[in-house]
Amino acid sequence: MKKKIHPAVVVGLTGALLAHAAILFSLPPVIKGKGAPFLPTAKKGIETMFQQIRLQPQIKRKLKDQAKINGNVATKSLRFVDLGSGDGRVVFSSAREGLFYKSIGYEINPVLHIWAMTRRLIQAPLYWSKTNFYMQDLWSVDLSEADVVAVYGLHPIMTKLGGKMENELKTGALVVSNVFIIPGWKTISSINGVHIYSIPESLEYRNRSTLKP
């Protein structure tokens, strides 16, 4: 008589297989110097991230202005973007915060993209209208409409990524970098490995002519 495998074991093995596949598919961009491996943001880091975002004056001001226009703070236009969104945990946390009209994740790893989309589908009533996920190279993402951009990149790509964000982000936008700093940028807050940058304050020494009004 064949022994049946306990469902918990099946779930555990499936999870381990997906995790290994996710790491494997994340290696090519790292080797090419164009991305980072799958590094899930810790719960403490996520909590710190949104605590600090809420404290920024431009976020408070935009929410206040929206409340005046619509008469309801739940109606807003702030857009959150996560570059290298992995399994979607930061994007889902952003949606739960209630700060943003839309929270969007961009991920080049097909395993992680499918993982995030599956979570979005399963939890559709809570997340469907507030989130989007795209399987896309972070270097091709248009950041011009983003109000907050979250990144968790390795040091080798941060200078180049900083240049992209400097050229594309609008005045008043925030950048949240986990663990790794953006070389040459000035932080406005650094707590628990979460570094907050603001446009144009973090770029005071640079030519601001490229920044969008």
C-alpha atoms as a PDB file:
ATOM      1  CA  MET A   1       0.000   0.000   0.000  1.00  0.00           C
ATOM      2  CA  LYS A   2       1.395   3.361  -1.070  1.00  0.00           C
ATOM      3  CA  LYS A   3       1.782   6.030   1.558  1.00  0.00           C
ATOM      4  CA  LYS A   4       0.123   9.363   0.856  1.00  0.00           C
ATOM      5  CA  ILE A   5       2.208  12.501   1.147  1.00  0.00           C
ATOM      6  CA  HIS A   6       0.828  14.966   3.656  1.00  0.00           C
ATOM      7  CA  PRO A   7      -0.503  18.175   2.014  1.00  0.00           C
ATOM      8  CA  ALA A   8       1.769  20.289   4.226  1.00  0.00           C
ATOM      9  CA  VAL A   9       4.789  18.477   2.802  1.00  0.00           C
ATOM     10  CA  VAL A  10       3.575  19.083  -0.748  1.00  0.00           C
ATOM     11  CA  VAL A  11       3.078  22.777  -0.029  1.00  0.00           C
ATOM     12  CA  GLY A  12       6.513  23.011   1.560  1.00  0.00           C
ATOM     13  CA  LEU A  13       8.226  21.272  -1.353  1.00  0.00           C
ATOM     14  CA  THR A  14       6.377  23.426  -3.867  1.00  0.00           C
ATOM     15  CA  GLY A  15       7.365  26.570  -2.025  1.00  0.00           C
ATOM     16  CA  ALA A  16      11.000  25.487  -1.888  1.00  0.00           C
ATOM     17  CA  LEU A  17      10.955  24.669  -5.617  1.00  0.00           C
ATOM     18  CA  LEU A  18       9.483  28.065  -6.489  1.00  0.00           C
ATOM     19  CA  ALA A  19      12.014  29.850  -4.290  1.00  0.00           C
ATOM     20  CA  HIS A  20      14.921  28.084  -5.961  1.00  0.00           C
ATOM     21  CA  ALA A  21      13.481  28.756  -9.412  1.00  0.00           C
ATOM     22  CA  ALA A  22      13.031  32.438  -8.537  1.00  0.00           C
ATOM     23  CA  ILE A  23      16.666  32.718  -7.463  1.00  0.00           C
ATOM     24  CA  LEU A  24      17.858  30.875 -10.580  1.00  0.00           C
ATOM     25  CA  PHE A  25      15.936  33.160 -12.955  1.00  0.00           C
ATOM     26  CA  SER A  26      17.232  36.261 -11.143  1.00  0.00           C
ATOM     27  CA  LEU A  27      20.881  35.416 -11.834  1.00  0.00           C
ATOM     28  CA  PRO A  28      21.204  36.426 -15.539  1.00  0.00           C
ATOM     29  CA  PRO A  29      20.482  40.165 -14.924  1.00  0.00           C
ATOM     30  CA  VAL A  30      22.922  40.119 -11.989  1.00  0.00           C
ATOM     31  CA  ILE A  31      25.673  38.554 -14.101  1.00  0.00           C
ATOM     32  CA  LYS A  32      25.093  41.168 -16.805  1.00  0.00           C
ATOM     33  CA  GLY A  33      25.212  43.964 -14.213  1.00  0.00           C
ATOM     34  CA  LYS A  34      21.643  45.033 -15.027  1.00  0.00           C
ATOM     35  CA  GLY A  35      19.718  43.888 -11.990  1.00  0.00           C
ATOM     36  CA  ALA A  36      19.709  42.320  -8.533  1.00  0.00           C
ATOM     37  CA  PRO A  37      18.957  38.832  -7.211  1.00  0.00           C
ATOM     38  CA  PHE A  38      15.690  38.073  -5.439  1.00  0.00           C
ATOM     39  CA  LEU A  39      16.121  39.779  -2.054  1.00  0.00           C
ATOM     40  CA  PRO A  40      12.769  39.899  -0.218  1.00  0.00           C
ATOM     41  CA  THR A  41      12.291  43.058   1.833  1.00  0.00           C
ATOM     42  CA  ALA A  42      11.951  42.210   5.526  1.00  0.00           C
ATOM     43  CA  LYS A  43       8.738  43.068   7.359  1.00  0.00           C
ATOM     44  CA  LYS A  44      10.552  45.621   9.534  1.00  0.00           C
ATOM     45  CA  GLY A  45      11.953  47.282   6.429  1.00  0.00           C
ATOM     46  CA  ILE A  46       8.504  47.531   4.838  1.00  0.00           C
ATOM     47  CA  GLU A  47       7.014  49.005   8.004  1.00  0.00           C
ATOM     48  CA  THR A  48       9.818  51.576   8.224  1.00  0.00           C
ATOM     49  CA  MET A  49       9.404  52.417   4.558  1.00  0.00           C
ATOM     50  CA  PHE A  50       5.765  53.421   4.806  1.00  0.00           C
ATOM     51  CA  GLN A  51       6.166  55.086   8.180  1.00  0.00           C
ATOM     52  CA  GLN A  52       8.790  57.363   6.632  1.00  0.00           C
ATOM     53  CA  ILE A  53       6.765  57.964   3.465  1.00  0.00           C
ATOM     54  CA  ARG A  54       3.803  59.136   5.539  1.00  0.00           C
ATOM     55  CA  LEU A  55       6.015  61.701   7.298  1.00  0.00           C
ATOM     56  CA  GLN A  56       7.190  63.430   4.123  1.00  0.00           C
ATOM     57  CA  PRO A  57       5.659  66.908   3.622  1.00  0.00           C
ATOM     58  CA  GLN A  58       4.909  66.464  -0.086  1.00  0.00           C
ATOM     59  CA  ILE A  59       2.887  63.321   0.633  1.00  0.00           C
ATOM     60  CA  LYS A  60       0.936  65.044   3.413  1.00  0.00           C
ATOM     61  CA  ARG A  61       0.319  68.052   1.169  1.00  0.00           C
ATOM     62  CA  LYS A  62      -0.923  66.013  -1.789  1.00  0.00           C
ATOM     63  CA  LEU A  63      -3.280  63.986   0.369  1.00  0.00           C
ATOM     64  CA  LYS A  64      -4.609  67.166   1.954  1.00  0.00           C
ATOM     65  CA  ASP A  65      -5.136  68.791  -1.456  1.00  0.00           C
ATOM     66  CA  GLN A  66      -6.943  65.697  -2.740  1.00  0.00           C
ATOM     67  CA  ALA A  67      -9.195  65.668   0.298  1.00  0.00           C
ATOM     68  CA  LYS A  68     -10.178  69.279  -0.388  1.00  0.00           C
ATOM     69  CA  ILE A  69     -10.929  68.573  -4.040  1.00  0.00           C
ATOM     70  CA  ASN A  70     -12.843  65.337  -3.582  1.00  0.00           C
ATOM     71  CA  GLY A  71     -14.105  65.681  -0.046  1.00  0.00           C
ATOM     72  CA  ASN A  72     -12.789  62.209   0.663  1.00  0.00           C
ATOM     73  CA  VAL A  73      -9.164  61.331   1.442  1.00  0.00           C
ATOM     74  CA  ALA A  74      -9.724  57.839   0.007  1.00  0.00           C
ATOM     75  CA  THR A  75      -9.912  59.374  -3.474  1.00  0.00           C
ATOM     76  CA  LYS A  76      -6.346  60.182  -4.477  1.00  0.00           C
ATOM     77  CA  SER A  77      -3.917  60.183  -7.383  1.00  0.00           C
ATOM     78  CA  LEU A  78      -0.606  59.216  -5.781  1.00  0.00           C
ATOM     79  CA  ARG A  79       1.235  56.490  -7.696  1.00  0.00           C
ATOM     80  CA  PHE A  80       3.666  54.003  -6.097  1.00  0.00           C
ATOM     81  CA  VAL A  81       6.191  52.095  -8.221  1.00  0.00           C
ATOM     82  CA  ASP A  82       8.369  49.179  -7.090  1.00  0.00           C
ATOM     83  CA  LEU A  83      11.321  48.443  -9.400  1.00  0.00           C
ATOM     84  CA  GLY A  84      12.116  44.757  -9.062  1.00  0.00           C
ATOM     85  CA  SER A  85       8.907  43.904  -7.234  1.00  0.00           C
ATOM     86  CA  GLY A  86       9.717  40.221  -6.672  1.00  0.00           C
ATOM     87  CA  ASP A  87       6.805  38.326  -5.126  1.00  0.00           C
ATOM     88  CA  GLY A  88       4.792  41.539  -4.814  1.00  0.00           C
ATOM     89  CA  ARG A  89       4.972  41.955  -1.032  1.00  0.00           C
ATOM     90  CA  VAL A  90       5.947  45.662  -1.141  1.00  0.00           C
ATOM     91  CA  VAL A  91       3.278  46.451  -3.736  1.00  0.00           C
ATOM     92  CA  PHE A  92       0.599  44.690  -1.680  1.00  0.00           C
ATOM     93  CA  SER A  93       1.771  46.508   1.447  1.00  0.00           C
ATOM     94  CA  SER A  94       1.517  49.780  -0.452  1.00  0.00           C
ATOM     95  CA  ALA A  95      -2.070  48.960  -1.425  1.00  0.00           C
ATOM     96  CA  ARG A  96      -2.930  48.165   2.198  1.00  0.00           C
ATOM     97  CA  GLU A  97      -1.544  51.508   3.367  1.00  0.00           C
ATOM     98  CA  GLY A  98      -4.365  53.363   1.614  1.00  0.00           C
ATOM     99  CA  LEU A  99      -2.060  56.175   0.508  1.00  0.00           C
ATOM    100  CA  PHE A 100      -1.947  55.441  -3.198  1.00  0.00           C
ATOM    101  CA  TYR A 101      -4.426  55.378  -6.041  1.00  0.00           C
ATOM    102  CA  LYS A 102      -2.312  52.743  -7.767  1.00  0.00           C
ATOM    103  CA  SER A 103       0.629  50.566  -6.679  1.00  0.00           C
ATOM    104  CA  ILE A 104       2.626  49.063  -9.540  1.00  0.00           C
ATOM    105  CA  GLY A 105       5.362  46.437  -9.583  1.00  0.00           C
ATOM    106  CA  TYR A 106       7.865  45.777 -12.366  1.00  0.00           C
ATOM    107  CA  GLU A 107       9.732  42.467 -12.367  1.00  0.00           C
ATOM    108  CA  ILE A 108      11.808  40.756 -15.103  1.00  0.00           C
ATOM    109  CA  ASN A 109      11.850  37.345 -13.384  1.00  0.00           C
ATOM    110  CA  PRO A 110       8.975  35.259 -14.870  1.00  0.00           C
ATOM    111  CA  VAL A 111       8.642  33.003 -11.810  1.00  0.00           C
ATOM    112  CA  LEU A 112       8.301  35.956  -9.441  1.00  0.00           C
ATOM    113  CA  HIS A 113       5.953  37.762 -11.827  1.00  0.00           C
ATOM    114  CA  ILE A 114       3.622  34.739 -11.981  1.00  0.00           C
ATOM    115  CA  TRP A 115       3.865  34.385  -8.205  1.00  0.00           C
ATOM    116  CA  ALA A 116       2.817  38.010  -7.661  1.00  0.00           C
ATOM    117  CA  MET A 117       0.016  37.803 -10.233  1.00  0.00           C
ATOM    118  CA  THR A 118      -1.313  34.638  -8.576  1.00  0.00           C
ATOM    119  CA  ARG A 119      -1.403  36.387  -5.200  1.00  0.00           C
ATOM    120  CA  ARG A 120      -3.182  39.343  -6.817  1.00  0.00           C
ATOM    121  CA  LEU A 121      -5.792  37.034  -8.340  1.00  0.00           C
ATOM    122  CA  ILE A 122      -6.387  35.054  -5.141  1.00  0.00           C
ATOM    123  CA  GLN A 123      -6.782  38.227  -3.103  1.00  0.00           C
ATOM    124  CA  ALA A 124      -8.629  40.076  -5.876  1.00  0.00           C
ATOM    125  CA  PRO A 125     -11.291  41.842  -3.768  1.00  0.00           C
ATOM    126  CA  LEU A 126      -8.591  43.613  -1.770  1.00  0.00           C
ATOM    127  CA  TYR A 127      -5.910  44.245  -4.364  1.00  0.00           C
ATOM    128  CA  TRP A 128      -7.249  43.977  -7.911  1.00  0.00           C
ATOM    129  CA  SER A 129      -8.201  47.607  -8.509  1.00  0.00           C
ATOM    130  CA  LYS A 130      -5.270  49.058  -6.543  1.00  0.00           C
ATOM    131  CA  THR A 131      -2.371  47.055  -7.996  1.00  0.00           C
ATOM    132  CA  ASN A 132      -0.764  46.176 -11.294  1.00  0.00           C
ATOM    133  CA  PHE A 133       2.204  43.960 -12.133  1.00  0.00           C
ATOM    134  CA  TYR A 134       4.252  43.996 -15.322  1.00  0.00           C
ATOM    135  CA  MET A 135       6.994  41.648 -16.473  1.00  0.00           C
ATOM    136  CA  GLN A 136       9.396  44.325 -17.624  1.00  0.00           C
ATOM    137  CA  ASP A 137      13.055  45.299 -17.397  1.00  0.00           C
ATOM    138  CA  LEU A 138      13.387  48.110 -14.839  1.00  0.00           C
ATOM    139  CA  TRP A 139      15.577  50.090 -17.268  1.00  0.00           C
ATOM    140  CA  SER A 140      12.691  50.439 -19.721  1.00  0.00           C
ATOM    141  CA  VAL A 141      10.127  51.644 -17.154  1.00  0.00           C
ATOM    142  CA  ASP A 142       8.874  55.217 -17.584  1.00  0.00           C
ATOM    143  CA  LEU A 143       9.045  56.847 -14.145  1.00  0.00           C
ATOM    144  CA  SER A 144       7.719  60.271 -15.123  1.00  0.00           C
ATOM    145  CA  GLU A 145       4.325  59.765 -13.414  1.00  0.00           C
ATOM    146  CA  ALA A 146       5.602  58.096 -10.230  1.00  0.00           C
ATOM    147  CA  ASP A 147       5.209  59.848  -6.882  1.00  0.00           C
ATOM    148  CA  VAL A 148       7.149  57.235  -4.906  1.00  0.00           C
ATOM    149  CA  VAL A 149       9.678  54.758  -6.309  1.00  0.00           C
ATOM    150  CA  ALA A 150      10.962  51.835  -4.229  1.00  0.00           C
ATOM    151  CA  VAL A 151      14.179  50.019  -5.162  1.00  0.00           C
ATOM    152  CA  TYR A 152      16.223  47.182  -3.690  1.00  0.00           C
ATOM    153  CA  GLY A 153      19.210  47.043  -5.994  1.00  0.00           C
ATOM    154  CA  LEU A 154      22.813  46.014  -5.495  1.00  0.00           C
ATOM    155  CA  HIS A 155      25.608  48.599  -5.279  1.00  0.00           C
ATOM    156  CA  PRO A 156      26.936  47.994  -8.853  1.00  0.00           C
ATOM    157  CA  ILE A 157      23.700  49.239 -10.471  1.00  0.00           C
ATOM    158  CA  MET A 158      22.812  52.073  -8.101  1.00  0.00           C
ATOM    159  CA  THR A 159      24.805  54.819  -9.848  1.00  0.00           C
ATOM    160  CA  LYS A 160      23.229  54.042 -13.223  1.00  0.00           C
ATOM    161  CA  LEU A 161      19.786  53.667 -11.667  1.00  0.00           C
ATOM    162  CA  GLY A 162      20.256  57.000  -9.909  1.00  0.00           C
ATOM    163  CA  GLY A 163      20.941  58.616 -13.266  1.00  0.00           C
ATOM    164  CA  LYS A 164      17.759  57.171 -14.750  1.00  0.00           C
ATOM    165  CA  MET A 165      15.654  58.393 -11.840  1.00  0.00           C
ATOM    166  CA  GLU A 166      17.272  61.823 -11.889  1.00  0.00           C
ATOM    167  CA  ASN A 167      16.363  62.231 -15.558  1.00  0.00           C
ATOM    168  CA  GLU A 168      12.810  60.900 -15.313  1.00  0.00           C
ATOM    169  CA  LEU A 169      11.331  61.680 -11.907  1.00  0.00           C
ATOM    170  CA  LYS A 170       9.232  64.801 -11.426  1.00  0.00           C
ATOM    171  CA  THR A 171       9.762  67.430  -8.761  1.00  0.00           C
ATOM    172  CA  GLY A 172       8.343  66.258  -5.419  1.00  0.00           C
ATOM    173  CA  ALA A 173       8.869  62.553  -6.126  1.00  0.00           C
ATOM    174  CA  LEU A 174      10.333  60.318  -3.421  1.00  0.00           C
ATOM    175  CA  VAL A 175      12.788  57.449  -3.824  1.00  0.00           C
ATOM    176  CA  VAL A 176      12.985  54.713  -1.191  1.00  0.00           C
ATOM    177  CA  SER A 177      16.087  52.532  -1.371  1.00  0.00           C
ATOM    178  CA  ASN A 178      16.430  49.470   0.823  1.00  0.00           C
ATOM    179  CA  VAL A 179      19.904  48.760   2.252  1.00  0.00           C
ATOM    180  CA  PHE A 180      21.942  50.254  -0.598  1.00  0.00           C
ATOM    181  CA  ILE A 181      22.421  54.022  -0.969  1.00  0.00           C
ATOM    182  CA  ILE A 182      22.383  55.916  -4.255  1.00  0.00           C
ATOM    183  CA  PRO A 183      25.950  57.240  -4.761  1.00  0.00           C
ATOM    184  CA  GLY A 184      26.091  61.035  -4.872  1.00  0.00           C
ATOM    185  CA  TRP A 185      22.531  61.537  -3.620  1.00  0.00           C
ATOM    186  CA  LYS A 186      21.765  63.115  -0.255  1.00  0.00           C
ATOM    187  CA  THR A 187      19.329  61.209   1.968  1.00  0.00           C
ATOM    188  CA  ILE A 188      16.610  63.079   3.814  1.00  0.00           C
ATOM    189  CA  SER A 189      16.067  60.094   6.116  1.00  0.00           C
ATOM    190  CA  SER A 190      17.912  56.825   6.872  1.00  0.00           C
ATOM    191  CA  ILE A 191      16.339  54.454   9.395  1.00  0.00           C
ATOM    192  CA  ASN A 192      16.683  50.665   9.728  1.00  0.00           C
ATOM    193  CA  GLY A 193      18.475  50.450   6.384  1.00  0.00           C
ATOM    194  CA  VAL A 194      15.709  52.347   4.578  1.00  0.00           C
ATOM    195  CA  HIS A 195      17.027  55.431   2.756  1.00  0.00           C
ATOM    196  CA  ILE A 196      14.612  58.156   1.634  1.00  0.00           C
ATOM    197  CA  TYR A 197      15.465  60.637  -1.121  1.00  0.00           C
ATOM    198  CA  SER A 198      13.461  63.600  -2.403  1.00  0.00           C
ATOM    199  CA  ILE A 199      13.518  65.349  -5.778  1.00  0.00           C
ATOM    200  CA  PRO A 200      15.110  67.893  -6.061  1.00  0.00           C
ATOM    201  CA  GLU A 201      16.416  68.220  -2.477  1.00  0.00           C
ATOM    202  CA  SER A 202      18.611  65.121  -2.793  1.00  0.00           C
ATOM    203  CA  LEU A 203      20.145  66.514  -5.994  1.00  0.00           C
ATOM    204  CA  GLU A 204      20.956  70.046  -4.861  1.00  0.00           C
ATOM    205  CA  TYR A 205      24.453  69.957  -6.323  1.00  0.00           C
ATOM    206  CA  ARG A 206      23.253  68.824  -9.760  1.00  0.00           C
ATOM    207  CA  ASN A 207      21.901  70.707 -12.737  1.00  0.00           C
ATOM    208  CA  ARG A 208      18.135  70.831 -12.187  1.00  0.00           C
ATOM    209  CA  SER A 209      17.327  71.753 -15.751  1.00  0.00           C
ATOM    210  CA  THR A 210      16.486  68.096 -16.517  1.00  0.00           C
ATOM    211  CA  LEU A 211      13.912  67.844 -13.748  1.00  0.00           C
ATOM    212  CA  LYS A 212      10.271  67.996 -14.709  1.00  0.00           C
ATOM    213  CA  PRO A 213       8.065  70.726 -13.206  1.00  0.00           C
END
